[in-house]
């Protein structure tokens, strides 16, 4: 995704191999999952430029963010309820 043109070209040339280097006609980035596809004229798309572990790491971080967000919402609700009950008791 953030590869400059030179690195993108090198990654695609390495992915498609020397036999198809001259057939590369487009680059297709994807964001879910993270990837860069090197499309050649015969319709084949080769993955390039994104290591395999990166999608697993991104998924783990996203899951962690969702879980922590859920815990934050539950804790906030618990505190509000606790304060409301305390105020009601002291009236």
PDB file of N, CA and C in Angstrom:
ATOM      1  N   UNK A   1       0.825  -1.184   0.000  1.00  0.00           N
ATOM      2  CA  UNK A   1       0.000   0.000   0.000  1.00  0.00           C
ATOM      3  C   UNK A   1       0.870   1.249   0.000  1.00  0.00           C
ATOM      4  N   UNK A   2       1.897   1.262   0.828  1.00  0.00           N
ATOM      5  CA  UNK A   2       2.748   2.443   0.906  1.00  0.00           C
ATOM      6  C   UNK A   2       4.030   2.270   0.107  1.00  0.00           C
ATOM      7  N   UNK A   3       4.084   1.251  -0.705  1.00  0.00           N
ATOM      8  CA  UNK A   3       5.266   1.061  -1.527  1.00  0.00           C
ATOM      9  C   UNK A   3       5.341   2.169  -2.565  1.00  0.00           C
ATOM     10  N   UNK A   4       6.531   2.732  -2.737  1.00  0.00           N
ATOM     11  CA  UNK A   4       6.670   3.699  -3.812  1.00  0.00           C
ATOM     12  C   UNK A   4       6.682   2.939  -5.141  1.00  0.00           C
ATOM     13  N   UNK A   5       6.703   3.665  -6.232  1.00  0.00           N
ATOM     14  CA  UNK A   5       6.592   3.004  -7.542  1.00  0.00           C
ATOM     15  C   UNK A   5       7.718   2.014  -7.797  1.00  0.00           C
ATOM     16  N   UNK A   6       8.922   2.359  -7.394  1.00  0.00           N
ATOM     17  CA  UNK A   6      10.062   1.470  -7.633  1.00  0.00           C
ATOM     18  C   UNK A   6       9.923   0.175  -6.852  1.00  0.00           C
ATOM     19  N   UNK A   7       9.597   0.282  -5.573  1.00  0.00           N
ATOM     20  CA  UNK A   7       9.451  -0.920  -4.748  1.00  0.00           C
ATOM     21  C   UNK A   7       8.257  -1.747  -5.186  1.00  0.00           C
ATOM     22  N   UNK A   8       7.184  -1.088  -5.596  1.00  0.00           N
ATOM     23  CA  UNK A   8       6.000  -1.804  -6.090  1.00  0.00           C
ATOM     24  C   UNK A   8       6.352  -2.583  -7.350  1.00  0.00           C
ATOM     25  N   UNK A   9       7.072  -1.938  -8.255  1.00  0.00           N
ATOM     26  CA  UNK A   9       7.481  -2.613  -9.491  1.00  0.00           C
ATOM     27  C   UNK A   9       8.389  -3.797  -9.208  1.00  0.00           C
ATOM     28  N   UNK A  10       9.343  -3.606  -8.306  1.00  0.00           N
ATOM     29  CA  UNK A  10      10.259  -4.703  -7.969  1.00  0.00           C
ATOM     30  C   UNK A  10       9.514  -5.869  -7.321  1.00  0.00           C
ATOM     31  N   UNK A  11       8.570  -5.546  -6.427  1.00  0.00           N
ATOM     32  CA  UNK A  11       7.795  -6.605  -5.768  1.00  0.00           C
ATOM     33  C   UNK A  11       6.963  -7.378  -6.790  1.00  0.00           C
ATOM     34  N   UNK A  12       6.376  -6.671  -7.742  1.00  0.00           N
ATOM     35  CA  UNK A  12       5.569  -7.339  -8.773  1.00  0.00           C
ATOM     36  C   UNK A  12       6.435  -8.173  -9.705  1.00  0.00           C
ATOM     37  N   UNK A  13       7.567  -7.638 -10.096  1.00  0.00           N
ATOM     38  CA  UNK A  13       8.456  -8.391 -10.976  1.00  0.00           C
ATOM     39  C   UNK A  13       8.935  -9.670 -10.310  1.00  0.00           C
ATOM     40  N   UNK A  14       9.192  -9.586  -9.005  1.00  0.00           N
ATOM     41  CA  UNK A  14       9.611 -10.777  -8.262  1.00  0.00           C
ATOM     42  C   UNK A  14       8.458 -11.772  -8.149  1.00  0.00           C
ATOM     43  N   UNK A  15       7.230 -11.271  -7.943  1.00  0.00           N
ATOM     44  CA  UNK A  15       6.068 -12.151  -7.770  1.00  0.00           C
ATOM     45  C   UNK A  15       5.686 -12.874  -9.058  1.00  0.00           C
ATOM     46  N   UNK A  16       5.698 -12.178 -10.183  1.00  0.00           N
ATOM     47  CA  UNK A  16       5.256 -12.801 -11.433  1.00  0.00           C
ATOM     48  C   UNK A  16       6.350 -13.615 -12.099  1.00  0.00           C
ATOM     49  N   UNK A  17       7.585 -13.328 -11.762  1.00  0.00           N
ATOM     50  CA  UNK A  17       8.693 -14.072 -12.352  1.00  0.00           C
ATOM     51  C   UNK A  17       9.138 -13.464 -13.674  1.00  0.00           C
ATOM     52  N   UNK A  18      10.334 -13.834 -14.099  1.00  0.00           N
ATOM     53  CA  UNK A  18      10.901 -13.217 -15.305  1.00  0.00           C
ATOM     54  C   UNK A  18      10.114 -13.507 -16.580  1.00  0.00           C
ATOM     55  N   UNK A  19       9.375 -14.598 -16.618  1.00  0.00           N
ATOM     56  CA  UNK A  19       8.638 -14.959 -17.835  1.00  0.00           C
ATOM     57  C   UNK A  19       7.474 -14.007 -18.117  1.00  0.00           C
ATOM     58  N   UNK A  20       6.915 -13.375 -17.070  1.00  0.00           N
ATOM     59  CA  UNK A  20       5.724 -12.545 -17.243  1.00  0.00           C
ATOM     60  C   UNK A  20       5.954 -11.068 -16.934  1.00  0.00           C
ATOM     61  N   UNK A  21       7.195 -10.670 -16.738  1.00  0.00           N
ATOM     62  CA  UNK A  21       7.475  -9.285 -16.352  1.00  0.00           C
ATOM     63  C   UNK A  21       6.901  -8.282 -17.343  1.00  0.00           C
ATOM     64  N   UNK A  22       7.014  -8.550 -18.603  1.00  0.00           N
ATOM     65  CA  UNK A  22       6.537  -7.602 -19.622  1.00  0.00           C
ATOM     66  C   UNK A  22       5.016  -7.630 -19.785  1.00  0.00           C
ATOM     67  N   UNK A  23       4.327  -8.561 -19.119  1.00  0.00           N
ATOM     68  CA  UNK A  23       2.874  -8.683 -19.242  1.00  0.00           C
ATOM     69  C   UNK A  23       2.114  -7.979 -18.124  1.00  0.00           C
ATOM     70  N   UNK A  24       2.812  -7.393 -17.152  1.00  0.00           N
ATOM     71  CA  UNK A  24       2.136  -6.712 -16.041  1.00  0.00           C
ATOM     72  C   UNK A  24       1.383  -5.512 -16.606  1.00  0.00           C
ATOM     73  N   UNK A  25       0.057  -5.492 -16.367  1.00  0.00           N
ATOM     74  CA  UNK A  25      -0.723  -4.379 -16.904  1.00  0.00           C
ATOM     75  C   UNK A  25      -1.372  -3.501 -15.837  1.00  0.00           C
ATOM     76  N   UNK A  26      -1.452  -3.978 -14.589  1.00  0.00           N
ATOM     77  CA  UNK A  26      -2.010  -3.129 -13.537  1.00  0.00           C
ATOM     78  C   UNK A  26      -1.633  -3.662 -12.156  1.00  0.00           C
ATOM     79  N   UNK A  27      -1.824  -2.782 -11.177  1.00  0.00           N
ATOM     80  CA  UNK A  27      -1.590  -3.129  -9.773  1.00  0.00           C
ATOM     81  C   UNK A  27      -2.915  -2.962  -9.054  1.00  0.00           C
ATOM     82  N   UNK A  28      -3.230  -3.907  -8.184  1.00  0.00           N
ATOM     83  CA  UNK A  28      -4.528  -3.866  -7.505  1.00  0.00           C
ATOM     84  C   UNK A  28      -4.340  -3.981  -5.997  1.00  0.00           C
ATOM     85  N   UNK A  29      -4.338  -2.839  -5.298  1.00  0.00           N
ATOM     86  CA  UNK A  29      -4.238  -2.892  -3.841  1.00  0.00           C
ATOM     87  C   UNK A  29      -5.581  -3.267  -3.225  1.00  0.00           C
ATOM     88  N   UNK A  30      -5.533  -4.015  -2.142  1.00  0.00           N
ATOM     89  CA  UNK A  30      -6.743  -4.325  -1.377  1.00  0.00           C
ATOM     90  C   UNK A  30      -6.463  -3.952   0.080  1.00  0.00           C
ATOM     91  N   UNK A  31      -7.505  -3.559   0.762  1.00  0.00           N
ATOM     92  CA  UNK A  31      -7.328  -3.120   2.149  1.00  0.00           C
ATOM     93  C   UNK A  31      -7.872  -4.123   3.145  1.00  0.00           C
ATOM     94  N   UNK A  32      -8.807  -4.954   2.738  1.00  0.00           N
ATOM     95  CA  UNK A  32      -9.280  -6.043   3.598  1.00  0.00           C
ATOM     96  C   UNK A  32      -9.372  -7.274   2.737  1.00  0.00           C
ATOM     97  N   UNK A  33      -8.478  -8.200   2.848  1.00  0.00           N
ATOM     98  CA  UNK A  33      -7.218  -8.177   3.593  1.00  0.00           C
ATOM     99  C   UNK A  33      -6.193  -7.279   2.902  1.00  0.00           C
ATOM    100  N   UNK A  34      -5.192  -6.873   3.675  1.00  0.00           N
ATOM    101  CA  UNK A  34      -4.134  -6.046   3.121  1.00  0.00           C
ATOM    102  C   UNK A  34      -3.401  -6.816   2.038  1.00  0.00           C
ATOM    103  N   UNK A  35      -3.204  -6.207   0.901  1.00  0.00           N
ATOM    104  CA  UNK A  35      -2.510  -6.902  -0.173  1.00  0.00           C
ATOM    105  C   UNK A  35      -2.249  -6.017  -1.373  1.00  0.00           C
ATOM    106  N   UNK A  36      -1.363  -6.486  -2.201  1.00  0.00           N
ATOM    107  CA  UNK A  36      -1.078  -5.830  -3.468  1.00  0.00           C
ATOM    108  C   UNK A  36      -1.086  -6.909  -4.526  1.00  0.00           C
ATOM    109  N   UNK A  37      -1.952  -6.782  -5.495  1.00  0.00           N
ATOM    110  CA  UNK A  37      -2.031  -7.750  -6.578  1.00  0.00           C
ATOM    111  C   UNK A  37      -1.392  -7.192  -7.834  1.00  0.00           C
ATOM    112  N   UNK A  38      -0.605  -8.019  -8.468  1.00  0.00           N
ATOM    113  CA  UNK A  38       0.018  -7.646  -9.739  1.00  0.00           C
ATOM    114  C   UNK A  38      -0.715  -8.402 -10.836  1.00  0.00           C
ATOM    115  N   UNK A  39      -1.465  -7.681 -11.636  1.00  0.00           N
ATOM    116  CA  UNK A  39      -2.312  -8.280 -12.659  1.00  0.00           C
ATOM    117  C   UNK A  39      -1.551  -8.338 -13.981  1.00  0.00           C
ATOM    118  N   UNK A  40      -1.604  -9.502 -14.635  1.00  0.00           N
ATOM    119  CA  UNK A  40      -0.958  -9.625 -15.938  1.00  0.00           C
ATOM    120  C   UNK A  40      -2.033  -9.796 -17.018  1.00  0.00           C
ATOM    121  N   UNK A  41      -1.631  -9.662 -18.252  1.00  0.00           N
ATOM    122  CA  UNK A  41      -2.566  -9.611 -19.377  1.00  0.00           C
ATOM    123  C   UNK A  41      -3.470 -10.831 -19.531  1.00  0.00           C
ATOM    124  N   UNK A  42      -3.021 -12.010 -19.103  1.00  0.00           N
ATOM    125  CA  UNK A  42      -3.845 -13.207 -19.276  1.00  0.00           C
ATOM    126  C   UNK A  42      -4.940 -13.338 -18.214  1.00  0.00           C
ATOM    127  N   UNK A  43      -5.032 -12.356 -17.299  1.00  0.00           N
ATOM    128  CA  UNK A  43      -6.090 -12.362 -16.297  1.00  0.00           C
ATOM    129  C   UNK A  43      -5.670 -12.855 -14.933  1.00  0.00           C
ATOM    130  N   UNK A  44      -4.446 -13.303 -14.774  1.00  0.00           N
ATOM    131  CA  UNK A  44      -3.959 -13.809 -13.496  1.00  0.00           C
ATOM    132  C   UNK A  44      -3.481 -12.646 -12.633  1.00  0.00           C
ATOM    133  N   UNK A  45      -3.750 -12.729 -11.336  1.00  0.00           N
ATOM    134  CA  UNK A  45      -3.264 -11.732 -10.386  1.00  0.00           C
ATOM    135  C   UNK A  45      -2.370 -12.435  -9.381  1.00  0.00           C
ATOM    136  N   UNK A  46      -1.154 -11.928  -9.227  1.00  0.00           N
ATOM    137  CA  UNK A  46      -0.182 -12.488  -8.298  1.00  0.00           C
ATOM    138  C   UNK A  46      -0.084 -11.599  -7.060  1.00  0.00           C
ATOM    139  N   UNK A  47      -0.120 -12.195  -5.863  1.00  0.00           N
ATOM    140  CA  UNK A  47       0.045 -11.384  -4.653  1.00  0.00           C
ATOM    141  C   UNK A  47       1.506 -10.966  -4.495  1.00  0.00           C
ATOM    142  N   UNK A  48       1.725  -9.736  -4.027  1.00  0.00           N
ATOM    143  CA  UNK A  48       3.093  -9.239  -3.855  1.00  0.00           C
ATOM    144  C   UNK A  48       3.130  -8.141  -2.801  1.00  0.00           C
ATOM    145  N   UNK A  49       4.293  -7.956  -2.201  1.00  0.00           N
ATOM    146  CA  UNK A  49       4.554  -6.791  -1.373  1.00  0.00           C
ATOM    147  C   UNK A  49       4.039  -6.802   0.046  1.00  0.00           C
ATOM    148  N   UNK A  50       3.179  -7.720   0.425  1.00  0.00           N
ATOM    149  CA  UNK A  50       2.646  -7.738   1.780  1.00  0.00           C
ATOM    150  C   UNK A  50       2.957  -9.099   2.403  1.00  0.00           C
ATOM    151  N   UNK A  51       3.771  -9.115   3.453  1.00  0.00           N
ATOM    152  CA  UNK A  51       4.099 -10.388   4.094  1.00  0.00           C
ATOM    153  C   UNK A  51       2.851 -11.046   4.698  1.00  0.00           C
ATOM    154  N   UNK A  52       2.828 -12.352   4.740  1.00  0.00           N
ATOM    155  CA  UNK A  52       1.659 -13.091   5.212  1.00  0.00           C
ATOM    156  C   UNK A  52       1.275 -12.828   6.651  1.00  0.00           C
ATOM    157  N   UNK A  53       2.250 -12.562   7.510  1.00  0.00           N
ATOM    158  CA  UNK A  53       1.961 -12.345   8.927  1.00  0.00           C
ATOM    159  C   UNK A  53       1.257 -11.009   9.174  1.00  0.00           C
ATOM    160  N   UNK A  54       1.329 -10.087   8.235  1.00  0.00           N
ATOM    161  CA  UNK A  54       0.781  -8.757   8.446  1.00  0.00           C
ATOM    162  C   UNK A  54      -0.741  -8.771   8.607  1.00  0.00           C
ATOM    163  N   UNK A  55      -1.444  -9.586   7.843  1.00  0.00           N
ATOM    164  CA  UNK A  55      -2.904  -9.661   7.976  1.00  0.00           C
ATOM    165  C   UNK A  55      -3.308 -10.277   9.311  1.00  0.00           C
ATOM    166  N   UNK A  56      -2.562 -11.281   9.764  1.00  0.00           N
ATOM    167  CA  UNK A  56      -2.871 -11.874  11.071  1.00  0.00           C
ATOM    168  C   UNK A  56      -2.634 -10.863  12.187  1.00  0.00           C
ATOM    169  N   UNK A  57      -1.561 -10.097  12.086  1.00  0.00           N
ATOM    170  CA  UNK A  57      -1.271  -9.080  13.104  1.00  0.00           C
ATOM    171  C   UNK A  57      -2.346  -7.986  13.092  1.00  0.00           C
ATOM    172  N   UNK A  58      -2.759  -7.549  11.919  1.00  0.00           N
ATOM    173  CA  UNK A  58      -3.800  -6.520  11.811  1.00  0.00           C
ATOM    174  C   UNK A  58      -5.123  -7.033  12.384  1.00  0.00           C
ATOM    175  N   UNK A  59      -5.452  -8.291  12.121  1.00  0.00           N
ATOM    176  CA  UNK A  59      -6.688  -8.875  12.665  1.00  0.00           C
ATOM    177  C   UNK A  59      -6.624  -8.958  14.189  1.00  0.00           C
ATOM    178  N   UNK A  60      -5.473  -9.351  14.718  1.00  0.00           N
ATOM    179  CA  UNK A  60      -5.310  -9.434  16.177  1.00  0.00           C
ATOM    180  C   UNK A  60      -5.445  -8.059  16.816  1.00  0.00           C
ATOM    181  N   UNK A  61      -4.853  -7.048  16.201  1.00  0.00           N
ATOM    182  CA  UNK A  61      -4.973  -5.694  16.737  1.00  0.00           C
ATOM    183  C   UNK A  61      -6.400  -5.174  16.659  1.00  0.00           C
ATOM    184  N   UNK A  62      -7.099  -5.470  15.579  1.00  0.00           N
ATOM    185  CA  UNK A  62      -8.492  -5.046  15.445  1.00  0.00           C
ATOM    186  C   UNK A  62      -9.371  -5.720  16.495  1.00  0.00           C
ATOM    187  N   UNK A  63      -9.158  -7.017  16.693  1.00  0.00           N
ATOM    188  CA  UNK A  63      -9.921  -7.741  17.710  1.00  0.00           C
ATOM    189  C   UNK A  63      -9.641  -7.180  19.102  1.00  0.00           C
ATOM    190  N   UNK A  64      -8.388  -6.892  19.382  1.00  0.00           N
ATOM    191  CA  UNK A  64      -8.021  -6.304  20.670  1.00  0.00           C
ATOM    192  C   UNK A  64      -8.715  -4.963  20.867  1.00  0.00           C
ATOM    193  N   UNK A  65      -8.759  -4.138  19.826  1.00  0.00           N
ATOM    194  CA  UNK A  65      -9.430  -2.838  19.920  1.00  0.00           C
ATOM    195  C   UNK A  65     -10.920  -2.998  20.207  1.00  0.00           C
ATOM    196  N   UNK A  66     -11.560  -3.958  19.561  1.00  0.00           N
ATOM    197  CA  UNK A  66     -12.991  -4.186  19.779  1.00  0.00           C
ATOM    198  C   UNK A  66     -13.243  -4.672  21.208  1.00  0.00           C
ATOM    199  N   UNK A  67     -12.422  -5.604  21.681  1.00  0.00           N
ATOM    200  CA  UNK A  67     -12.595  -6.130  23.041  1.00  0.00           C
ATOM    201  C   UNK A  67     -12.384  -5.031  24.075  1.00  0.00           C
ATOM    202  N   UNK A  68     -11.322  -4.243  23.912  1.00  0.00           N
ATOM    203  CA  UNK A  68     -11.065  -3.157  24.860  1.00  0.00           C
ATOM    204  C   UNK A  68     -12.169  -2.104  24.805  1.00  0.00           C
ATOM    205  N   UNK A  69     -12.691  -1.822  23.636  1.00  0.00           N
ATOM    206  CA  UNK A  69     -13.812  -0.895  23.521  1.00  0.00           C
ATOM    207  C   UNK A  69     -15.047  -1.412  24.240  1.00  0.00           C
ATOM    208  N   UNK A  70     -15.297  -2.707  24.123  1.00  0.00           N
ATOM    209  CA  UNK A  70     -16.422  -3.319  24.822  1.00  0.00           C
ATOM    210  C   UNK A  70     -16.265  -3.252  26.335  1.00  0.00           C
ATOM    211  N   UNK A  71     -15.062  -3.569  26.815  1.00  0.00           N
ATOM    212  CA  UNK A  71     -14.804  -3.475  28.257  1.00  0.00           C
ATOM    213  C   UNK A  71     -14.950  -2.043  28.751  1.00  0.00           C
ATOM    214  N   UNK A  72     -14.519  -1.081  27.955  1.00  0.00           N
ATOM    215  CA  UNK A  72     -14.649   0.319  28.335  1.00  0.00           C
ATOM    216  C   UNK A  72     -16.118   0.710  28.453  1.00  0.00           C
ATOM    217  N   UNK A  73     -16.925   0.311  27.508  1.00  0.00           N
ATOM    218  CA  UNK A  73     -18.355   0.633  27.550  1.00  0.00           C
ATOM    219  C   UNK A  73     -19.028  -0.028  28.759  1.00  0.00           C
ATOM    220  N   UNK A  74     -18.680  -1.279  29.023  1.00  0.00           N
ATOM    221  CA  UNK A  74     -19.270  -1.965  30.182  1.00  0.00           C
ATOM    222  C   UNK A  74     -18.844  -1.327  31.495  1.00  0.00           C
ATOM    223  N   UNK A  75     -17.581  -0.960  31.604  1.00  0.00           N
ATOM    224  CA  UNK A  75     -17.095  -0.340  32.840  1.00  0.00           C
ATOM    225  C   UNK A  75     -17.740   1.028  33.043  1.00  0.00           C
ATOM    226  N   UNK A  76     -17.906   1.782  31.984  1.00  0.00           N
ATOM    227  CA  UNK A  76     -18.555   3.086  32.083  1.00  0.00           C
ATOM    228  C   UNK A  76     -19.994   2.928  32.566  1.00  0.00           C
ATOM    229  N   UNK A  77     -20.697   1.975  32.004  1.00  0.00           N
ATOM    230  CA  UNK A  77     -22.081   1.718  32.418  1.00  0.00           C
ATOM    231  C   UNK A  77     -22.138   1.260  33.873  1.00  0.00           C
ATOM    232  N   UNK A  78     -21.201   0.422  34.268  1.00  0.00           N
ATOM    233  CA  UNK A  78     -21.166  -0.063  35.659  1.00  0.00           C
ATOM    234  C   UNK A  78     -20.953   1.101  36.626  1.00  0.00           C
ATOM    235  N   UNK A  79     -20.049   2.015  36.297  1.00  0.00           N
ATOM    236  CA  UNK A  79     -19.781   3.157  37.178  1.00  0.00           C
ATOM    237  C   UNK A  79     -20.988   4.079  37.277  1.00  0.00           C
ATOM    238  N   UNK A  80     -21.653   4.348  36.168  1.00  0.00           N
ATOM    239  CA  UNK A  80     -22.830   5.222  36.189  1.00  0.00           C
ATOM    240  C   UNK A  80     -23.922   4.594  37.037  1.00  0.00           C
ATOM    241  N   UNK A  81     -24.152   3.305  36.865  1.00  0.00           N
ATOM    242  CA  UNK A  81     -25.182   2.599  37.641  1.00  0.00           C
ATOM    243  C   UNK A  81     -24.842   2.613  39.127  1.00  0.00           C
ATOM    244  N   UNK A  82     -23.578   2.392  39.452  1.00  0.00           N
ATOM    245  CA  UNK A  82     -23.136   2.376  40.850  1.00  0.00           C
ATOM    246  C   UNK A  82     -23.341   3.749  41.494  1.00  0.00           C
ATOM    247  N   UNK A  83     -22.992   4.833  40.790  1.00  0.00           N
ATOM    248  CA  UNK A  83     -23.171   6.188  41.317  1.00  0.00           C
ATOM    249  C   UNK A  83     -24.656   6.524  41.468  1.00  0.00           C
ATOM    250  N   UNK A  84     -25.480   6.085  40.506  1.00  0.00           N
ATOM    251  CA  UNK A  84     -26.911   6.337  40.587  1.00  0.00           C
ATOM    252  C   UNK A  84     -27.507   5.647  41.813  1.00  0.00           C
ATOM    253  N   UNK A  85     -27.118   4.400  42.055  1.00  0.00           N
ATOM    254  CA  UNK A  85     -27.636   3.671  43.213  1.00  0.00           C
ATOM    255  C   UNK A  85     -27.173   4.318  44.509  1.00  0.00           C
ATOM    256  N   UNK A  86     -25.934   4.816  44.545  1.00  0.00           N
ATOM    257  CA  UNK A  86     -25.400   5.455  45.747  1.00  0.00           C
ATOM    258  C   UNK A  86     -26.164   6.742  46.033  1.00  0.00           C
ATOM    259  N   UNK A  87     -26.452   7.537  44.991  1.00  0.00           N
ATOM    260  CA  UNK A  87     -27.194   8.774  45.171  1.00  0.00           C
ATOM    261  C   UNK A  87     -28.619   8.508  45.634  1.00  0.00           C
ATOM    262  N   UNK A  88     -29.213   7.453  45.130  1.00  0.00           N
ATOM    263  CA  UNK A  88     -30.584   7.108  45.489  1.00  0.00           C
ATOM    264  C   UNK A  88     -30.661   6.685  46.959  1.00  0.00           C
ATOM    265  N   UNK A  89     -29.633   5.977  47.437  1.00  0.00           N
ATOM    266  CA  UNK A  89     -29.601   5.520  48.823  1.00  0.00           C
ATOM    267  C   UNK A  89     -29.460   6.681  49.810  1.00  0.00           C
ATOM    268  N   UNK A  90     -28.722   7.691  49.413  1.00  0.00           N
ATOM    269  CA  UNK A  90     -28.441   8.813  50.329  1.00  0.00           C
ATOM    270  C   UNK A  90     -29.522   9.873  50.297  1.00  0.00           C
ATOM    271  N   UNK A  91     -30.542   9.711  49.540  1.00  0.00           N
ATOM    272  CA  UNK A  91     -31.621  10.719  49.515  1.00  0.00           C
ATOM    273  C   UNK A  91     -32.626  10.475  50.580  1.00  0.00           C
TER     274      UNK A  91
END
